[in-house]
Amino acid sequence: QVQLVESGGGLVQAGGSLRLSCAASGRTFSRNAMGWFRQAPGKEREFVARISWNGAVTYYADSVKGRFTIPRDNAKNTVYLQMNNLKPDDTGVYYCAAGTPGLGSINYWGQGTQVTVSS
């Protein structure tokens, strides 16, 4: 059983930066691939970024590539989403996730944290 708790969301102006954190508790957390998804009102939830269980491999959606990074600190059972050069289209609820390699299946979801990017 794993519990994921996000923090760090808020309001930021376009072009600014924000860092989200996802703290995990529970057994075998470090064996999970981790990632972030986001969902804007009226839109489908979309993949943002993922990182392998050992932190060796990362992958990003084309929409955030070059702007976002997803570092992981297994010693702290925490994964981050560093968001730079934010755009209004980045606005949404961001969800931390843990699951199988490549996040083909999600086993655990965080509760979500709101990110709002103003023009």
C-alpha atoms as a PDB file:
ATOM      1  CA  GLN A   1       0.000   0.000   0.000  1.00  0.00           C
ATOM      2  CA  VAL A   2       1.348   3.400  -1.064  1.00  0.00           C
ATOM      3  CA  GLN A   3      -0.012   6.852  -0.325  1.00  0.00           C
ATOM      4  CA  LEU A   4       0.997   9.848  -2.431  1.00  0.00           C
ATOM      5  CA  VAL A   5       0.635  13.435  -1.228  1.00  0.00           C
ATOM      6  CA  GLU A   6       1.293  16.355  -3.580  1.00  0.00           C
ATOM      7  CA  SER A   7       2.264  19.870  -2.597  1.00  0.00           C
ATOM      8  CA  GLY A   8       3.692  23.014  -4.156  1.00  0.00           C
ATOM      9  CA  GLY A   9       0.862  24.051  -6.434  1.00  0.00           C
ATOM     10  CA  GLY A  10      -0.239  27.643  -6.699  1.00  0.00           C
ATOM     11  CA  LEU A  11      -0.562  30.689  -8.904  1.00  0.00           C
ATOM     12  CA  VAL A  12       2.281  31.846 -11.116  1.00  0.00           C
ATOM     13  CA  GLN A  13       2.623  34.250 -14.019  1.00  0.00           C
ATOM     14  CA  ALA A  14       3.428  33.044 -17.507  1.00  0.00           C
ATOM     15  CA  GLY A  15       7.152  32.573 -17.903  1.00  0.00           C
ATOM     16  CA  GLY A  16       7.611  31.792 -14.234  1.00  0.00           C
ATOM     17  CA  SER A  17       8.610  28.598 -12.474  1.00  0.00           C
ATOM     18  CA  LEU A  18       7.059  26.287  -9.934  1.00  0.00           C
ATOM     19  CA  ARG A  19       8.133  23.039  -8.293  1.00  0.00           C
ATOM     20  CA  LEU A  20       5.683  20.363  -7.258  1.00  0.00           C
ATOM     21  CA  SER A  21       6.512  17.670  -4.726  1.00  0.00           C
ATOM     22  CA  CYS A  22       5.017  14.231  -4.263  1.00  0.00           C
ATOM     23  CA  ALA A  23       5.845  12.505  -1.000  1.00  0.00           C
ATOM     24  CA  ALA A  24       5.183   8.786  -0.772  1.00  0.00           C
ATOM     25  CA  SER A  25       4.684   6.486   2.155  1.00  0.00           C
ATOM     26  CA  GLY A  26       4.279   2.757   2.230  1.00  0.00           C
ATOM     27  CA  ARG A  27       6.177  -0.359   1.399  1.00  0.00           C
ATOM     28  CA  THR A  28       8.043  -0.933  -1.869  1.00  0.00           C
ATOM     29  CA  PHE A  29       7.614   2.655  -3.018  1.00  0.00           C
ATOM     30  CA  SER A  30      11.096   2.803  -4.546  1.00  0.00           C
ATOM     31  CA  ARG A  31      10.208  -0.065  -6.894  1.00  0.00           C
ATOM     32  CA  ASN A  32       7.530   2.000  -8.616  1.00  0.00           C
ATOM     33  CA  ALA A  33       7.914   4.101 -11.687  1.00  0.00           C
ATOM     34  CA  MET A  34       6.655   7.596 -10.895  1.00  0.00           C
ATOM     35  CA  GLY A  35       5.078  10.278 -12.974  1.00  0.00           C
ATOM     36  CA  TRP A  36       2.860  13.285 -13.270  1.00  0.00           C
ATOM     37  CA  PHE A  37      -0.415  13.804 -15.093  1.00  0.00           C
ATOM     38  CA  ARG A  38      -2.572  16.892 -15.358  1.00  0.00           C
ATOM     39  CA  GLN A  39      -6.170  17.717 -16.104  1.00  0.00           C
ATOM     40  CA  ALA A  40      -7.806  20.996 -17.021  1.00  0.00           C
ATOM     41  CA  PRO A  41     -11.568  21.523 -16.567  1.00  0.00           C
ATOM     42  CA  GLY A  42     -13.476  19.942 -19.421  1.00  0.00           C
ATOM     43  CA  LYS A  43     -10.409  18.141 -20.746  1.00  0.00           C
ATOM     44  CA  GLU A  44      -9.060  14.620 -20.480  1.00  0.00           C
ATOM     45  CA  ARG A  45      -6.296  13.826 -18.060  1.00  0.00           C
ATOM     46  CA  GLU A  46      -2.985  13.856 -19.915  1.00  0.00           C
ATOM     47  CA  PHE A  47       0.476  12.494 -19.306  1.00  0.00           C
ATOM     48  CA  VAL A  48       3.167  15.026 -18.395  1.00  0.00           C
ATOM     49  CA  ALA A  49       6.348  13.221 -17.324  1.00  0.00           C
ATOM     50  CA  ARG A  50       7.637   9.987 -15.843  1.00  0.00           C
ATOM     51  CA  ILE A  51      10.774   8.595 -14.215  1.00  0.00           C
ATOM     52  CA  SER A  52      11.891   4.993 -13.757  1.00  0.00           C
ATOM     53  CA  TRP A  53      12.095   3.363 -10.335  1.00  0.00           C
ATOM     54  CA  ASN A  54      15.863   3.876 -10.131  1.00  0.00           C
ATOM     55  CA  GLY A  55      15.761   7.379 -11.594  1.00  0.00           C
ATOM     56  CA  ALA A  56      17.831   6.405 -14.621  1.00  0.00           C
ATOM     57  CA  VAL A  57      15.241   7.039 -17.331  1.00  0.00           C
ATOM     58  CA  THR A  58      12.914   9.976 -17.808  1.00  0.00           C
ATOM     59  CA  TYR A  59      10.348  10.770 -20.467  1.00  0.00           C
ATOM     60  CA  TYR A  60       8.326  13.897 -21.157  1.00  0.00           C
ATOM     61  CA  ALA A  61       5.286  14.818 -23.147  1.00  0.00           C
ATOM     62  CA  ASP A  62       6.122  16.907 -26.197  1.00  0.00           C
ATOM     63  CA  SER A  63       4.129  19.801 -24.767  1.00  0.00           C
ATOM     64  CA  VAL A  64       6.480  20.165 -21.783  1.00  0.00           C
ATOM     65  CA  LYS A  65       9.760  18.876 -23.200  1.00  0.00           C
ATOM     66  CA  GLY A  66      12.592  21.289 -22.524  1.00  0.00           C
ATOM     67  CA  ARG A  67      10.593  23.148 -19.885  1.00  0.00           C
ATOM     68  CA  PHE A  68       9.822  20.539 -17.204  1.00  0.00           C
ATOM     69  CA  THR A  69      12.051  18.059 -15.373  1.00  0.00           C
ATOM     70  CA  ILE A  70      11.150  15.216 -13.014  1.00  0.00           C
ATOM     71  CA  PRO A  71      13.890  14.544 -10.452  1.00  0.00           C
ATOM     72  CA  ARG A  72      13.419  11.763  -7.907  1.00  0.00           C
ATOM     73  CA  ASP A  73      14.912  11.382  -4.434  1.00  0.00           C
ATOM     74  CA  ASN A  74      14.320   7.841  -3.231  1.00  0.00           C
ATOM     75  CA  ALA A  75      16.071   8.557   0.070  1.00  0.00           C
ATOM     76  CA  LYS A  76      13.237  10.986   0.807  1.00  0.00           C
ATOM     77  CA  ASN A  77      10.575   8.938  -0.985  1.00  0.00           C
ATOM     78  CA  THR A  78       9.810  12.017  -3.029  1.00  0.00           C
ATOM     79  CA  VAL A  79       9.412  12.845  -6.696  1.00  0.00           C
ATOM     80  CA  TYR A  80       9.319  16.402  -8.008  1.00  0.00           C
ATOM     81  CA  LEU A  81       8.084  18.222 -11.048  1.00  0.00           C
ATOM     82  CA  GLN A  82      10.194  21.266 -11.807  1.00  0.00           C
ATOM     83  CA  MET A  83       8.209  23.494 -14.156  1.00  0.00           C
ATOM     84  CA  ASN A  84       9.954  26.340 -15.951  1.00  0.00           C
ATOM     85  CA  ASN A  85       8.760  28.850 -18.529  1.00  0.00           C
ATOM     86  CA  LEU A  86       5.170  28.130 -17.596  1.00  0.00           C
ATOM     87  CA  LYS A  87       2.379  28.868 -20.045  1.00  0.00           C
ATOM     88  CA  PRO A  88      -1.346  29.456 -19.462  1.00  0.00           C
ATOM     89  CA  ASP A  89      -2.014  26.102 -21.152  1.00  0.00           C
ATOM     90  CA  ASP A  90      -0.136  24.438 -18.295  1.00  0.00           C
ATOM     91  CA  THR A  91      -3.002  25.335 -15.967  1.00  0.00           C
ATOM     92  CA  GLY A  92      -4.739  22.369 -14.384  1.00  0.00           C
ATOM     93  CA  VAL A  93      -4.812  19.928 -11.523  1.00  0.00           C
ATOM     94  CA  TYR A  94      -1.575  17.975 -11.361  1.00  0.00           C
ATOM     95  CA  TYR A  95      -1.633  14.404 -10.122  1.00  0.00           C
ATOM     96  CA  CYS A  96       1.299  12.352  -8.948  1.00  0.00           C
ATOM     97  CA  ALA A  97       1.181   8.694  -9.941  1.00  0.00           C
ATOM     98  CA  ALA A  98       3.035   5.459  -9.266  1.00  0.00           C
ATOM     99  CA  GLY A  99       2.852   2.245 -11.211  1.00  0.00           C
ATOM    100  CA  THR A 100       4.417  -0.250 -13.555  1.00  0.00           C
ATOM    101  CA  PRO A 101       7.433   0.515 -15.759  1.00  0.00           C
ATOM    102  CA  GLY A 102       6.593   3.190 -18.267  1.00  0.00           C
ATOM    103  CA  LEU A 103       3.390   3.838 -16.280  1.00  0.00           C
ATOM    104  CA  GLY A 104       1.497   1.503 -18.521  1.00  0.00           C
ATOM    105  CA  SER A 105      -0.648   0.847 -15.459  1.00  0.00           C
ATOM    106  CA  ILE A 106      -1.166   3.230 -12.567  1.00  0.00           C
ATOM    107  CA  ASN A 107      -1.352   1.597  -9.151  1.00  0.00           C
ATOM    108  CA  TYR A 108      -1.587   4.738  -7.009  1.00  0.00           C
ATOM    109  CA  TRP A 109      -2.741   8.319  -7.492  1.00  0.00           C
ATOM    110  CA  GLY A 110      -2.148  11.415  -5.431  1.00  0.00           C
ATOM    111  CA  GLN A 111      -5.043  13.698  -4.529  1.00  0.00           C
ATOM    112  CA  GLY A 112      -4.010  16.423  -6.963  1.00  0.00           C
ATOM    113  CA  THR A 113      -2.689  19.950  -6.598  1.00  0.00           C
ATOM    114  CA  GLN A 114      -3.886  23.002  -8.525  1.00  0.00           C
ATOM    115  CA  VAL A 115      -1.510  24.913 -10.787  1.00  0.00           C
ATOM    116  CA  THR A 116      -2.743  28.154 -12.311  1.00  0.00           C
ATOM    117  CA  VAL A 117      -0.676  30.114 -14.821  1.00  0.00           C
ATOM    118  CA  SER A 118      -1.874  33.639 -15.538  1.00  0.00           C
ATOM    119  CA  SER A 119      -1.217  35.617 -18.705  1.00  0.00           C
END
